[in-house]
Amino acid sequence: MTSVRLRPVILVIEAVEETRQGIERLLSVSDYQVTTAKDERDAIFNARLTPPNLILISLDRNVVSILPVVQRIRDGAGIGESIPVVVFCVTSLEEGAEVEAGYNVYLTRPENFDQLRILLGRLLRNR
């Protein structure tokens, strides 16, 4: 009997369609199953449909405003706080920085995709 290896599911939340598609392509070739959402409501629906192992949110606004959004997505999808959330910040952090915001939420501004992929791998290794 052959064992089936399940790929980790990453939910990508990004408002801009071209950016969302680009992130989806990069993660798909890195052997992740990717679901996408354009906003909070779409994220809750998709997380209920396919529960993620990790949520990646692309954000270009105040970091403090994202924590309530993360909590509403977790509550609305019924996924709890054990699922890590990575917030990809463009303006709030120095390039190459990674900060733990608490409640299994991580803020990052990687210098390149490899740096982001390493962070995602580290967070998913324990799943």
N, C-alpha and C. Protein backbone atom coordinates (compact mmCIF):
# COMPACT_ATOMS: atom_id res chain seq x y z
N MET A 1 0.83 -1.18 0.00
CA MET A 1 0.00 0.00 0.00
C MET A 1 0.89 1.25 0.00
N THR A 2 0.57 2.19 -0.85
CA THR A 2 1.34 3.41 -0.98
C THR A 2 0.76 4.49 -0.07
N SER A 3 1.64 5.19 0.64
CA SER A 3 1.14 6.26 1.49
C SER A 3 1.02 7.54 0.66
N VAL A 4 -0.01 8.29 0.93
CA VAL A 4 -0.25 9.54 0.24
C VAL A 4 0.28 10.67 1.11
N ARG A 5 1.14 11.48 0.54
CA ARG A 5 1.70 12.61 1.27
C ARG A 5 0.80 13.82 1.04
N LEU A 6 0.28 14.34 2.11
CA LEU A 6 -0.59 15.50 2.01
C LEU A 6 0.25 16.77 2.05
N ARG A 7 -0.07 17.67 1.15
CA ARG A 7 0.64 18.95 1.12
C ARG A 7 -0.02 19.91 2.09
N PRO A 8 0.77 20.70 2.82
CA PRO A 8 0.19 21.69 3.73
C PRO A 8 -0.64 22.71 2.93
N VAL A 9 -1.74 23.12 3.52
CA VAL A 9 -2.63 24.09 2.89
C VAL A 9 -2.31 25.48 3.44
N ILE A 10 -2.05 26.41 2.53
CA ILE A 10 -1.82 27.80 2.91
C ILE A 10 -2.93 28.64 2.30
N LEU A 11 -3.61 29.41 3.15
CA LEU A 11 -4.63 30.34 2.69
C LEU A 11 -3.94 31.69 2.51
N VAL A 12 -3.96 32.20 1.28
CA VAL A 12 -3.35 33.49 0.96
C VAL A 12 -4.46 34.53 0.85
N ILE A 13 -4.34 35.60 1.65
CA ILE A 13 -5.31 36.68 1.62
C ILE A 13 -4.61 37.92 1.08
N GLU A 14 -5.08 38.38 -0.06
CA GLU A 14 -4.48 39.52 -0.75
C GLU A 14 -5.56 40.17 -1.62
N ALA A 15 -5.71 41.48 -1.51
CA ALA A 15 -6.76 42.19 -2.24
C ALA A 15 -6.47 42.31 -3.74
N VAL A 16 -5.22 42.44 -4.11
CA VAL A 16 -4.85 42.66 -5.51
C VAL A 16 -4.72 41.32 -6.22
N GLU A 17 -5.54 41.11 -7.24
CA GLU A 17 -5.59 39.82 -7.92
C GLU A 17 -4.25 39.38 -8.49
N GLU A 18 -3.53 40.27 -9.15
CA GLU A 18 -2.24 39.90 -9.75
C GLU A 18 -1.24 39.46 -8.68
N THR A 19 -1.21 40.17 -7.55
CA THR A 19 -0.31 39.80 -6.46
C THR A 19 -0.72 38.47 -5.86
N ARG A 20 -2.02 38.28 -5.67
CA ARG A 20 -2.55 37.04 -5.12
C ARG A 20 -2.16 35.86 -6.02
N GLN A 21 -2.32 36.01 -7.32
CA GLN A 21 -1.97 34.95 -8.26
C GLN A 21 -0.46 34.67 -8.25
N GLY A 22 0.34 35.72 -8.13
CA GLY A 22 1.79 35.54 -8.08
C GLY A 22 2.23 34.76 -6.85
N ILE A 23 1.68 35.12 -5.70
CA ILE A 23 2.00 34.41 -4.46
C ILE A 23 1.54 32.96 -4.57
N GLU A 24 0.35 32.76 -5.13
CA GLU A 24 -0.17 31.40 -5.30
C GLU A 24 0.77 30.55 -6.16
N ARG A 25 1.25 31.11 -7.27
CA ARG A 25 2.18 30.37 -8.14
C ARG A 25 3.47 30.02 -7.41
N LEU A 26 4.05 30.98 -6.69
CA LEU A 26 5.30 30.74 -5.97
C LEU A 26 5.14 29.65 -4.91
N LEU A 27 4.04 29.68 -4.19
CA LEU A 27 3.82 28.68 -3.15
C LEU A 27 3.48 27.31 -3.74
N SER A 28 2.76 27.29 -4.84
CA SER A 28 2.39 26.02 -5.48
C SER A 28 3.63 25.26 -5.96
N VAL A 29 4.60 25.97 -6.53
CA VAL A 29 5.82 25.29 -6.98
C VAL A 29 6.70 24.89 -5.80
N SER A 30 6.40 25.42 -4.62
CA SER A 30 7.12 25.03 -3.40
C SER A 30 6.41 23.90 -2.68
N ASP A 31 5.49 23.23 -3.38
CA ASP A 31 4.80 22.04 -2.90
C ASP A 31 3.78 22.31 -1.80
N TYR A 32 3.15 23.48 -1.84
CA TYR A 32 2.05 23.76 -0.94
C TYR A 32 0.75 23.73 -1.73
N GLN A 33 -0.33 23.32 -1.07
CA GLN A 33 -1.66 23.48 -1.65
C GLN A 33 -2.11 24.87 -1.24
N VAL A 34 -2.55 25.66 -2.20
CA VAL A 34 -2.87 27.06 -1.92
C VAL A 34 -4.34 27.34 -2.21
N THR A 35 -4.98 27.99 -1.25
CA THR A 35 -6.30 28.56 -1.48
C THR A 35 -6.14 30.07 -1.32
N THR A 36 -6.98 30.83 -1.98
CA THR A 36 -6.82 32.28 -1.95
C THR A 36 -8.12 32.97 -1.55
N ALA A 37 -7.95 34.20 -1.08
CA ALA A 37 -9.09 35.04 -0.71
C ALA A 37 -8.72 36.48 -0.99
N LYS A 38 -9.72 37.25 -1.38
CA LYS A 38 -9.47 38.67 -1.69
C LYS A 38 -9.74 39.59 -0.51
N ASP A 39 -10.49 39.08 0.49
CA ASP A 39 -10.82 39.89 1.64
C ASP A 39 -11.19 38.99 2.82
N GLU A 40 -11.56 39.63 3.92
CA GLU A 40 -11.86 38.91 5.16
C GLU A 40 -13.03 37.93 4.98
N ARG A 41 -14.09 38.37 4.35
CA ARG A 41 -15.26 37.52 4.16
C ARG A 41 -14.94 36.30 3.30
N ASP A 42 -14.22 36.53 2.23
CA ASP A 42 -13.78 35.46 1.34
C ASP A 42 -12.86 34.48 2.09
N ALA A 43 -12.01 35.02 2.97
CA ALA A 43 -11.09 34.20 3.75
C ALA A 43 -11.85 33.27 4.70
N ILE A 44 -12.86 33.79 5.36
CA ILE A 44 -13.65 32.97 6.29
C ILE A 44 -14.33 31.84 5.52
N PHE A 45 -14.94 32.16 4.39
CA PHE A 45 -15.61 31.16 3.58
C PHE A 45 -14.63 30.07 3.13
N ASN A 46 -13.48 30.48 2.59
CA ASN A 46 -12.51 29.50 2.07
C ASN A 46 -11.86 28.68 3.17
N ALA A 47 -11.65 29.29 4.35
CA ALA A 47 -11.06 28.55 5.47
C ALA A 47 -12.03 27.51 6.02
N ARG A 48 -13.32 27.78 5.93
CA ARG A 48 -14.31 26.78 6.32
C ARG A 48 -14.33 25.63 5.32
N LEU A 49 -14.22 25.97 4.05
CA LEU A 49 -14.26 24.99 2.97
C LEU A 49 -13.03 24.09 2.99
N THR A 50 -11.86 24.70 3.11
CA THR A 50 -10.59 23.97 3.15
C THR A 50 -9.78 24.53 4.31
N PRO A 51 -9.85 23.90 5.47
CA PRO A 51 -9.12 24.42 6.63
C PRO A 51 -7.61 24.51 6.35
N PRO A 52 -7.03 25.68 6.56
CA PRO A 52 -5.61 25.85 6.27
C PRO A 52 -4.71 25.37 7.40
N ASN A 53 -3.47 25.07 7.04
CA ASN A 53 -2.43 24.79 8.03
C ASN A 53 -1.71 26.07 8.42
N LEU A 54 -1.85 27.10 7.56
CA LEU A 54 -1.21 28.39 7.79
C LEU A 54 -1.96 29.42 6.96
N ILE A 55 -2.02 30.65 7.46
CA ILE A 55 -2.64 31.76 6.73
C ILE A 55 -1.55 32.78 6.45
N LEU A 56 -1.48 33.23 5.20
CA LEU A 56 -0.53 34.27 4.78
C LEU A 56 -1.34 35.47 4.31
N ILE A 57 -1.17 36.59 5.00
CA ILE A 57 -1.89 37.81 4.64
C ILE A 57 -0.89 38.83 4.13
N SER A 58 -1.14 39.33 2.95
CA SER A 58 -0.33 40.41 2.41
C SER A 58 -0.98 41.72 2.84
N LEU A 59 -0.19 42.61 3.42
CA LEU A 59 -0.76 43.80 4.04
C LEU A 59 0.09 45.02 3.73
N ASP A 60 -0.57 46.07 3.33
CA ASP A 60 0.12 47.34 3.13
C ASP A 60 -0.63 48.43 3.90
N ARG A 61 -0.76 48.21 5.21
CA ARG A 61 -1.42 49.18 6.08
C ARG A 61 -0.91 48.98 7.50
N ASN A 62 -1.48 49.68 8.45
CA ASN A 62 -1.06 49.63 9.85
C ASN A 62 -1.18 48.20 10.40
N VAL A 63 -0.09 47.69 10.94
CA VAL A 63 -0.05 46.33 11.46
C VAL A 63 -1.05 46.12 12.59
N VAL A 64 -1.23 47.11 13.45
CA VAL A 64 -2.13 46.97 14.58
C VAL A 64 -3.56 46.67 14.11
N SER A 65 -3.94 47.18 12.96
CA SER A 65 -5.30 46.96 12.46
C SER A 65 -5.52 45.54 11.96
N ILE A 66 -4.46 44.78 11.76
CA ILE A 66 -4.62 43.42 11.22
C ILE A 66 -4.98 42.41 12.30
N LEU A 67 -4.58 42.62 13.55
CA LEU A 67 -4.85 41.63 14.60
C LEU A 67 -6.34 41.36 14.80
N PRO A 68 -7.20 42.38 14.83
CA PRO A 68 -8.64 42.08 14.93
C PRO A 68 -9.16 41.33 13.69
N VAL A 69 -8.62 41.63 12.53
CA VAL A 69 -9.02 40.92 11.30
C VAL A 69 -8.65 39.44 11.42
N VAL A 70 -7.44 39.17 11.89
CA VAL A 70 -6.99 37.79 12.08
C VAL A 70 -7.93 37.06 13.03
N GLN A 71 -8.29 37.71 14.13
CA GLN A 71 -9.18 37.07 15.11
C GLN A 71 -10.56 36.80 14.52
N ARG A 72 -11.08 37.73 13.74
CA ARG A 72 -12.40 37.51 13.12
C ARG A 72 -12.36 36.36 12.12
N ILE A 73 -11.27 36.25 11.38
CA ILE A 73 -11.13 35.13 10.43
C ILE A 73 -11.07 33.82 11.20
N ARG A 74 -10.25 33.77 12.24
CA ARG A 74 -10.14 32.54 13.05
C ARG A 74 -11.50 32.16 13.65
N ASP A 75 -12.18 33.14 14.23
CA ASP A 75 -13.48 32.87 14.86
C ASP A 75 -14.52 32.46 13.81
N GLY A 76 -14.59 33.20 12.73
CA GLY A 76 -15.59 32.93 11.70
C GLY A 76 -15.40 31.60 11.00
N ALA A 77 -14.15 31.19 10.85
CA ALA A 77 -13.86 29.91 10.19
C ALA A 77 -13.79 28.76 11.18
N GLY A 78 -13.78 29.09 12.48
CA GLY A 78 -13.70 28.04 13.50
C GLY A 78 -12.37 27.31 13.52
N ILE A 79 -11.28 28.03 13.24
CA ILE A 79 -9.97 27.36 13.17
C ILE A 79 -9.11 27.60 14.41
N GLY A 80 -9.50 28.47 15.27
CA GLY A 80 -8.77 28.66 16.52
C GLY A 80 -7.41 29.32 16.35
N GLU A 81 -6.72 29.44 17.47
CA GLU A 81 -5.45 30.17 17.48
C GLU A 81 -4.23 29.28 17.24
N SER A 82 -4.43 27.99 17.02
CA SER A 82 -3.28 27.12 16.79
C SER A 82 -2.72 27.26 15.37
N ILE A 83 -3.51 27.78 14.45
CA ILE A 83 -3.06 27.95 13.07
C ILE A 83 -2.19 29.21 13.00
N PRO A 84 -0.93 29.08 12.55
CA PRO A 84 -0.09 30.28 12.46
C PRO A 84 -0.57 31.20 11.35
N VAL A 85 -0.40 32.49 11.60
CA VAL A 85 -0.74 33.52 10.62
C VAL A 85 0.52 34.34 10.38
N VAL A 86 0.90 34.45 9.10
CA VAL A 86 2.05 35.25 8.72
C VAL A 86 1.53 36.47 7.98
N VAL A 87 1.85 37.65 8.50
CA VAL A 87 1.45 38.90 7.89
C VAL A 87 2.66 39.45 7.15
N PHE A 88 2.53 39.52 5.84
CA PHE A 88 3.59 40.01 4.97
C PHE A 88 3.41 41.53 4.88
N CYS A 89 4.24 42.26 5.62
CA CYS A 89 4.13 43.72 5.70
C CYS A 89 5.09 44.37 4.72
N VAL A 90 4.61 45.38 4.03
CA VAL A 90 5.47 46.07 3.09
C VAL A 90 6.14 47.27 3.74
N THR A 91 5.41 48.05 4.50
CA THR A 91 5.96 49.30 5.02
C THR A 91 6.26 49.30 6.51
N SER A 92 5.74 48.35 7.27
CA SER A 92 5.82 48.43 8.72
C SER A 92 7.11 47.89 9.32
N LEU A 93 7.88 47.13 8.57
CA LEU A 93 9.09 46.51 9.09
C LEU A 93 10.27 46.78 8.16
N GLU A 94 11.46 46.67 8.74
CA GLU A 94 12.66 46.73 7.90
C GLU A 94 12.73 45.49 7.03
N GLU A 95 13.29 45.64 5.85
CA GLU A 95 13.44 44.48 4.97
C GLU A 95 14.29 43.42 5.66
N GLY A 96 13.84 42.17 5.58
CA GLY A 96 14.53 41.06 6.20
C GLY A 96 14.09 40.79 7.63
N ALA A 97 13.19 41.62 8.16
CA ALA A 97 12.76 41.49 9.55
C ALA A 97 11.65 40.46 9.71
N GLU A 98 11.61 39.89 10.89
CA GLU A 98 10.53 38.97 11.28
C GLU A 98 10.26 39.22 12.76
N VAL A 99 8.99 39.40 13.11
CA VAL A 99 8.60 39.70 14.48
C VAL A 99 7.41 38.84 14.85
N GLU A 100 7.42 38.29 16.06
CA GLU A 100 6.25 37.56 16.55
C GLU A 100 5.34 38.56 17.25
N ALA A 101 4.09 38.66 16.75
CA ALA A 101 3.14 39.63 17.30
C ALA A 101 2.29 39.02 18.41
N GLY A 102 2.45 37.73 18.64
CA GLY A 102 1.65 37.05 19.65
C GLY A 102 0.46 36.35 19.04
N TYR A 103 -0.15 35.47 19.81
CA TYR A 103 -1.31 34.70 19.37
C TYR A 103 -1.03 33.94 18.07
N ASN A 104 0.22 33.46 17.93
CA ASN A 104 0.61 32.69 16.77
C ASN A 104 0.51 33.52 15.49
N VAL A 105 0.80 34.83 15.61
CA VAL A 105 0.82 35.74 14.47
C VAL A 105 2.24 36.25 14.31
N TYR A 106 2.74 36.17 13.08
CA TYR A 106 4.11 36.57 12.78
C TYR A 106 4.08 37.64 11.71
N LEU A 107 4.87 38.68 11.90
CA LEU A 107 4.98 39.75 10.92
C LEU A 107 6.32 39.59 10.23
N THR A 108 6.33 39.75 8.91
CA THR A 108 7.59 39.60 8.20
C THR A 108 7.63 40.54 7.00
N ARG A 109 8.84 40.89 6.63
CA ARG A 109 9.11 41.62 5.40
C ARG A 109 10.38 41.00 4.82
N PRO A 110 10.23 39.87 4.17
CA PRO A 110 11.41 39.15 3.68
C PRO A 110 12.13 39.91 2.58
N GLU A 111 13.43 39.65 2.48
CA GLU A 111 14.23 40.25 1.41
C GLU A 111 13.96 39.56 0.08
N ASN A 112 13.56 38.29 0.15
CA ASN A 112 13.28 37.53 -1.07
C ASN A 112 12.35 36.37 -0.73
N PHE A 113 11.90 35.67 -1.77
CA PHE A 113 10.95 34.59 -1.56
C PHE A 113 11.55 33.44 -0.77
N ASP A 114 12.84 33.18 -0.91
CA ASP A 114 13.47 32.10 -0.15
C ASP A 114 13.36 32.34 1.34
N GLN A 115 13.52 33.57 1.76
CA GLN A 115 13.41 33.89 3.18
C GLN A 115 11.99 33.64 3.68
N LEU A 116 10.99 33.99 2.88
CA LEU A 116 9.60 33.72 3.25
C LEU A 116 9.34 32.22 3.28
N ARG A 117 9.85 31.50 2.30
CA ARG A 117 9.66 30.04 2.24
C ARG A 117 10.28 29.35 3.46
N ILE A 118 11.42 29.83 3.94
CA ILE A 118 12.06 29.25 5.13
C ILE A 118 11.18 29.47 6.36
N LEU A 119 10.62 30.68 6.50
CA LEU A 119 9.72 30.97 7.62
C LEU A 119 8.49 30.07 7.57
N LEU A 120 7.88 29.95 6.41
CA LEU A 120 6.69 29.10 6.28
C LEU A 120 7.02 27.65 6.61
N GLY A 121 8.15 27.16 6.11
CA GLY A 121 8.56 25.79 6.40
C GLY A 121 8.77 25.55 7.88
N ARG A 122 9.39 26.52 8.55
CA ARG A 122 9.63 26.40 9.99
C ARG A 122 8.32 26.35 10.76
N LEU A 123 7.37 27.20 10.40
CA LEU A 123 6.09 27.24 11.10
C LEU A 123 5.26 25.99 10.82
N LEU A 124 5.39 25.43 9.62
CA LEU A 124 4.59 24.26 9.25
C LEU A 124 5.22 22.94 9.69
N ARG A 125 6.48 22.96 10.00
CA ARG A 125 7.18 21.73 10.41
C ARG A 125 6.55 21.10 11.64
N ASN A 126 6.04 21.91 12.53
CA ASN A 126 5.46 21.43 13.77
C ASN A 126 3.98 21.06 13.64
N ARG A 127 3.45 21.09 12.45
CA ARG A 127 2.02 20.81 12.23
C ARG A 127 1.81 19.36 11.92
